[in-house]
Amino acid sequence: MEQKSFSSSNAISNHRVTCNQKEQQLLLESLSRTQCIVEQSHTAIRSNSNQLNNFLTEGDLDGILLFYDSDVELLESQTPLCRGIDGNRFILIIP
């Protein structure tokens, strides 16, 4: 009877180890995917930052406005509310 109990105990212990290994593998895969997303995001942010910097340096208003949604709203004190790219283009051109 004790030997049977010992075998059951080993089976449970082996099952726990297998579950832990599977959980660890899932965690590692998740962390790997997260790291990949972070690296891709970092690359995209640096690329966009460089591109925006070039547009600002060149004074390329159309290029700058590419970074905004088409329904952008400019909320600036003592100015009327401007909606959309065209409205903001007008406001940004005026010194």
Foldseek 3Di string as FASTA:
>chain_A
DVVVVVVVVVVVVVVVVVVVVVVVVVVVVVVVVVVVVVVVVVVVVVVVVVQCVVCVVVVPLVSNLVVDDQQDWDDDPPDDIATGPVRVSVVVVPD
